Amino acid sequence: MEVAQGHIIGLLNDELVATGPDCSEVTLGILERIHAERLEIITVYYGADTSKSEADALVERIKERYPAQDIELVDGGQPHYKYILSAE
């Protein structure tokens, strides 16, 4: 998979599985890949350089796509990643 300069990357178990200019689209692509519609809970940990309002907007997009799942938002404070997702 080729990554263009300035694009967001999406990793799944340390494997590059998605890339693109829009973080929300990359995140939704990862959730699609893991069949999030089959899961119960999706937790979004947002990083130190991500604003709460930006994270809230991502969660709203996820809720629109996956209305049956419980979506949680946590201030993870991680330094290098905008978001880390946990799904169960």
N, C-alpha and C. Protein backbone atom coordinates (compact mmCIF):
# COMPACT_ATOMS: atom_id res chain seq x y z
N MET A 1 0.85 -1.17 0.00
CA MET A 1 0.00 0.00 0.00
C MET A 1 0.90 1.23 0.00
N GLU A 2 0.63 2.13 -0.91
CA GLU A 2 1.42 3.34 -1.03
C GLU A 2 0.78 4.47 -0.22
N VAL A 3 1.60 5.23 0.49
CA VAL A 3 1.12 6.32 1.32
C VAL A 3 1.61 7.64 0.73
N ALA A 4 0.67 8.51 0.41
CA ALA A 4 1.03 9.83 -0.12
C ALA A 4 1.44 10.75 1.03
N GLN A 5 2.30 11.68 0.72
CA GLN A 5 2.76 12.63 1.72
C GLN A 5 1.56 13.37 2.32
N GLY A 6 1.54 13.45 3.64
CA GLY A 6 0.47 14.16 4.33
C GLY A 6 -0.77 13.33 4.61
N HIS A 7 -0.82 12.10 4.10
CA HIS A 7 -1.99 11.25 4.32
C HIS A 7 -1.93 10.59 5.70
N ILE A 8 -3.09 10.25 6.19
CA ILE A 8 -3.25 9.54 7.44
C ILE A 8 -3.05 8.04 7.16
N ILE A 9 -2.46 7.34 8.11
CA ILE A 9 -2.34 5.89 7.96
C ILE A 9 -3.18 5.21 9.04
N GLY A 10 -3.67 4.03 8.71
CA GLY A 10 -4.42 3.23 9.66
C GLY A 10 -3.75 1.88 9.84
N LEU A 11 -3.44 1.55 11.08
CA LEU A 11 -2.78 0.28 11.40
C LEU A 11 -3.76 -0.64 12.10
N LEU A 12 -3.69 -1.91 11.78
CA LEU A 12 -4.47 -2.94 12.45
C LEU A 12 -3.50 -4.03 12.86
N ASN A 13 -3.30 -4.18 14.17
CA ASN A 13 -2.32 -5.15 14.68
C ASN A 13 -0.95 -4.94 14.03
N ASP A 14 -0.52 -3.69 13.98
CA ASP A 14 0.78 -3.27 13.44
C ASP A 14 0.91 -3.43 11.93
N GLU A 15 -0.17 -3.72 11.24
CA GLU A 15 -0.14 -3.84 9.78
C GLU A 15 -0.85 -2.63 9.16
N LEU A 16 -0.23 -2.02 8.17
CA LEU A 16 -0.83 -0.90 7.46
C LEU A 16 -2.00 -1.41 6.62
N VAL A 17 -3.22 -0.95 6.94
CA VAL A 17 -4.40 -1.45 6.24
C VAL A 17 -5.22 -0.36 5.57
N ALA A 18 -4.93 0.91 5.88
CA ALA A 18 -5.71 2.00 5.29
C ALA A 18 -4.87 3.26 5.25
N THR A 19 -5.15 4.09 4.25
CA THR A 19 -4.50 5.38 4.15
C THR A 19 -5.40 6.32 3.37
N GLY A 20 -5.25 7.59 3.63
CA GLY A 20 -6.05 8.58 2.92
C GLY A 20 -5.91 9.95 3.54
N PRO A 21 -6.49 10.95 2.90
CA PRO A 21 -6.35 12.32 3.39
C PRO A 21 -7.28 12.66 4.55
N ASP A 22 -8.31 11.83 4.78
CA ASP A 22 -9.31 12.14 5.80
C ASP A 22 -9.26 11.11 6.93
N CYS A 23 -8.99 11.58 8.13
CA CYS A 23 -8.85 10.69 9.28
C CYS A 23 -10.13 9.91 9.56
N SER A 24 -11.27 10.55 9.43
CA SER A 24 -12.55 9.87 9.67
C SER A 24 -12.75 8.72 8.69
N GLU A 25 -12.44 8.96 7.43
CA GLU A 25 -12.61 7.92 6.42
C GLU A 25 -11.65 6.75 6.65
N VAL A 26 -10.43 7.05 7.05
CA VAL A 26 -9.47 5.98 7.35
C VAL A 26 -9.97 5.17 8.54
N THR A 27 -10.46 5.85 9.56
CA THR A 27 -10.98 5.16 10.75
C THR A 27 -12.18 4.29 10.39
N LEU A 28 -13.11 4.82 9.62
CA LEU A 28 -14.27 4.04 9.21
C LEU A 28 -13.86 2.84 8.35
N GLY A 29 -12.83 3.02 7.55
CA GLY A 29 -12.32 1.91 6.74
C GLY A 29 -11.78 0.78 7.59
N ILE A 30 -11.09 1.14 8.66
CA ILE A 30 -10.58 0.11 9.58
C ILE A 30 -11.74 -0.61 10.26
N LEU A 31 -12.73 0.15 10.71
CA LEU A 31 -13.89 -0.46 11.37
C LEU A 31 -14.64 -1.39 10.42
N GLU A 32 -14.71 -1.00 9.17
CA GLU A 32 -15.35 -1.87 8.18
C GLU A 32 -14.55 -3.17 8.02
N ARG A 33 -13.25 -3.02 7.99
CA ARG A 33 -12.38 -4.19 7.80
C ARG A 33 -12.51 -5.20 8.94
N ILE A 34 -12.75 -4.71 10.16
CA ILE A 34 -12.88 -5.63 11.30
C ILE A 34 -14.33 -6.03 11.55
N HIS A 35 -15.21 -5.67 10.62
CA HIS A 35 -16.64 -6.02 10.73
C HIS A 35 -17.23 -5.51 12.03
N ALA A 36 -17.10 -4.20 12.24
CA ALA A 36 -17.56 -3.57 13.48
C ALA A 36 -19.05 -3.77 13.73
N GLU A 37 -19.81 -4.03 12.68
CA GLU A 37 -21.24 -4.26 12.85
C GLU A 37 -21.51 -5.52 13.69
N ARG A 38 -20.53 -6.38 13.82
CA ARG A 38 -20.68 -7.61 14.61
C ARG A 38 -20.25 -7.43 16.07
N LEU A 39 -19.71 -6.27 16.38
CA LEU A 39 -19.16 -6.02 17.71
C LEU A 39 -20.16 -5.30 18.60
N GLU A 40 -19.88 -5.28 19.90
CA GLU A 40 -20.76 -4.60 20.84
C GLU A 40 -20.25 -3.21 21.21
N ILE A 41 -18.96 -3.12 21.50
CA ILE A 41 -18.40 -1.88 22.02
C ILE A 41 -17.20 -1.46 21.18
N ILE A 42 -17.16 -0.18 20.83
CA ILE A 42 -16.00 0.41 20.16
C ILE A 42 -15.56 1.58 21.04
N THR A 43 -14.32 1.53 21.51
CA THR A 43 -13.79 2.60 22.33
C THR A 43 -12.76 3.37 21.51
N VAL A 44 -12.90 4.68 21.50
CA VAL A 44 -11.99 5.57 20.77
C VAL A 44 -11.18 6.35 21.80
N TYR A 45 -9.87 6.15 21.80
CA TYR A 45 -8.96 6.89 22.66
C TYR A 45 -8.33 7.98 21.80
N TYR A 46 -8.54 9.23 22.17
CA TYR A 46 -7.95 10.30 21.36
C TYR A 46 -6.66 10.81 22.00
N GLY A 47 -5.74 11.22 21.13
CA GLY A 47 -4.39 11.56 21.55
C GLY A 47 -4.21 12.98 22.06
N ALA A 48 -3.02 13.24 22.54
CA ALA A 48 -2.68 14.52 23.15
C ALA A 48 -2.83 15.68 22.18
N ASP A 49 -2.59 15.46 20.90
CA ASP A 49 -2.68 16.53 19.91
C ASP A 49 -4.02 16.58 19.20
N THR A 50 -5.02 15.88 19.72
CA THR A 50 -6.35 15.85 19.13
C THR A 50 -7.32 16.55 20.07
N SER A 51 -8.09 17.49 19.55
CA SER A 51 -9.04 18.22 20.40
C SER A 51 -10.26 17.36 20.70
N LYS A 52 -10.90 17.66 21.81
CA LYS A 52 -12.12 16.94 22.19
C LYS A 52 -13.19 17.11 21.12
N SER A 53 -13.31 18.31 20.56
CA SER A 53 -14.34 18.55 19.53
C SER A 53 -14.06 17.73 18.27
N GLU A 54 -12.79 17.58 17.91
CA GLU A 54 -12.43 16.75 16.75
C GLU A 54 -12.77 15.29 17.03
N ALA A 55 -12.47 14.83 18.24
CA ALA A 55 -12.78 13.45 18.61
C ALA A 55 -14.29 13.23 18.66
N ASP A 56 -15.03 14.20 19.18
CA ASP A 56 -16.49 14.10 19.21
C ASP A 56 -17.06 13.96 17.80
N ALA A 57 -16.50 14.72 16.85
CA ALA A 57 -16.97 14.65 15.47
C ALA A 57 -16.72 13.26 14.88
N LEU A 58 -15.57 12.67 15.18
CA LEU A 58 -15.29 11.32 14.70
C LEU A 58 -16.27 10.32 15.30
N VAL A 59 -16.52 10.43 16.58
CA VAL A 59 -17.46 9.52 17.25
C VAL A 59 -18.85 9.64 16.63
N GLU A 60 -19.27 10.84 16.29
CA GLU A 60 -20.58 11.02 15.64
C GLU A 60 -20.64 10.30 14.30
N ARG A 61 -19.56 10.37 13.54
CA ARG A 61 -19.50 9.65 12.25
C ARG A 61 -19.57 8.14 12.46
N ILE A 62 -18.88 7.67 13.48
CA ILE A 62 -18.91 6.24 13.78
C ILE A 62 -20.32 5.83 14.20
N LYS A 63 -20.97 6.63 15.03
CA LYS A 63 -22.33 6.32 15.49
C LYS A 63 -23.32 6.30 14.33
N GLU A 64 -23.12 7.19 13.36
CA GLU A 64 -23.99 7.19 12.17
C GLU A 64 -23.85 5.88 11.40
N ARG A 65 -22.63 5.40 11.27
CA ARG A 65 -22.36 4.19 10.51
C ARG A 65 -22.71 2.92 11.29
N TYR A 66 -22.54 2.98 12.62
CA TYR A 66 -22.75 1.80 13.47
C TYR A 66 -23.69 2.15 14.63
N PRO A 67 -24.96 2.39 14.34
CA PRO A 67 -25.90 2.83 15.38
C PRO A 67 -26.20 1.78 16.45
N ALA A 68 -25.99 0.52 16.16
CA ALA A 68 -26.31 -0.54 17.13
C ALA A 68 -25.17 -0.78 18.13
N GLN A 69 -24.01 -0.20 17.87
CA GLN A 69 -22.86 -0.43 18.74
C GLN A 69 -22.77 0.67 19.80
N ASP A 70 -22.21 0.31 20.94
CA ASP A 70 -21.93 1.26 22.01
C ASP A 70 -20.58 1.89 21.71
N ILE A 71 -20.56 3.20 21.47
CA ILE A 71 -19.33 3.91 21.13
C ILE A 71 -18.90 4.74 22.33
N GLU A 72 -17.69 4.52 22.80
CA GLU A 72 -17.17 5.25 23.95
C GLU A 72 -16.00 6.12 23.50
N LEU A 73 -15.87 7.29 24.14
CA LEU A 73 -14.76 8.20 23.84
C LEU A 73 -13.97 8.43 25.12
N VAL A 74 -12.65 8.25 25.03
CA VAL A 74 -11.77 8.40 26.19
C VAL A 74 -10.58 9.28 25.80
N ASP A 75 -10.22 10.21 26.68
CA ASP A 75 -9.02 11.02 26.48
C ASP A 75 -7.82 10.14 26.83
N GLY A 76 -7.22 9.56 25.80
CA GLY A 76 -6.09 8.66 26.01
C GLY A 76 -4.78 9.39 26.25
N GLY A 77 -4.65 10.59 25.67
CA GLY A 77 -3.45 11.39 25.87
C GLY A 77 -2.20 10.84 25.21
N GLN A 78 -2.35 9.85 24.33
CA GLN A 78 -1.17 9.26 23.70
C GLN A 78 -0.46 10.29 22.82
N PRO A 79 0.89 10.25 22.82
CA PRO A 79 1.65 11.29 22.13
C PRO A 79 1.79 11.15 20.62
N HIS A 80 1.71 9.98 20.05
CA HIS A 80 2.05 9.83 18.63
C HIS A 80 0.88 9.47 17.72
N TYR A 81 -0.23 9.07 18.28
CA TYR A 81 -1.37 8.63 17.48
C TYR A 81 -2.58 9.50 17.78
N LYS A 82 -3.24 9.97 16.71
CA LYS A 82 -4.46 10.75 16.90
C LYS A 82 -5.52 9.93 17.61
N TYR A 83 -5.64 8.67 17.19
CA TYR A 83 -6.65 7.78 17.78
C TYR A 83 -6.09 6.38 17.93
N ILE A 84 -6.54 5.72 18.97
CA ILE A 84 -6.36 4.28 19.13
C ILE A 84 -7.76 3.72 19.37
N LEU A 85 -8.10 2.67 18.65
CA LEU A 85 -9.42 2.07 18.78
C LEU A 85 -9.31 0.71 19.46
N SER A 86 -10.29 0.44 20.29
CA SER A 86 -10.43 -0.88 20.90
C SER A 86 -11.83 -1.35 20.57
N ALA A 87 -11.96 -2.59 20.15
CA ALA A 87 -13.27 -3.12 19.76
C ALA A 87 -13.47 -4.49 20.37
N GLU A 88 -14.68 -4.70 20.88
CA GLU A 88 -14.99 -6.02 21.46
C GLU A 88 -16.41 -6.41 21.18
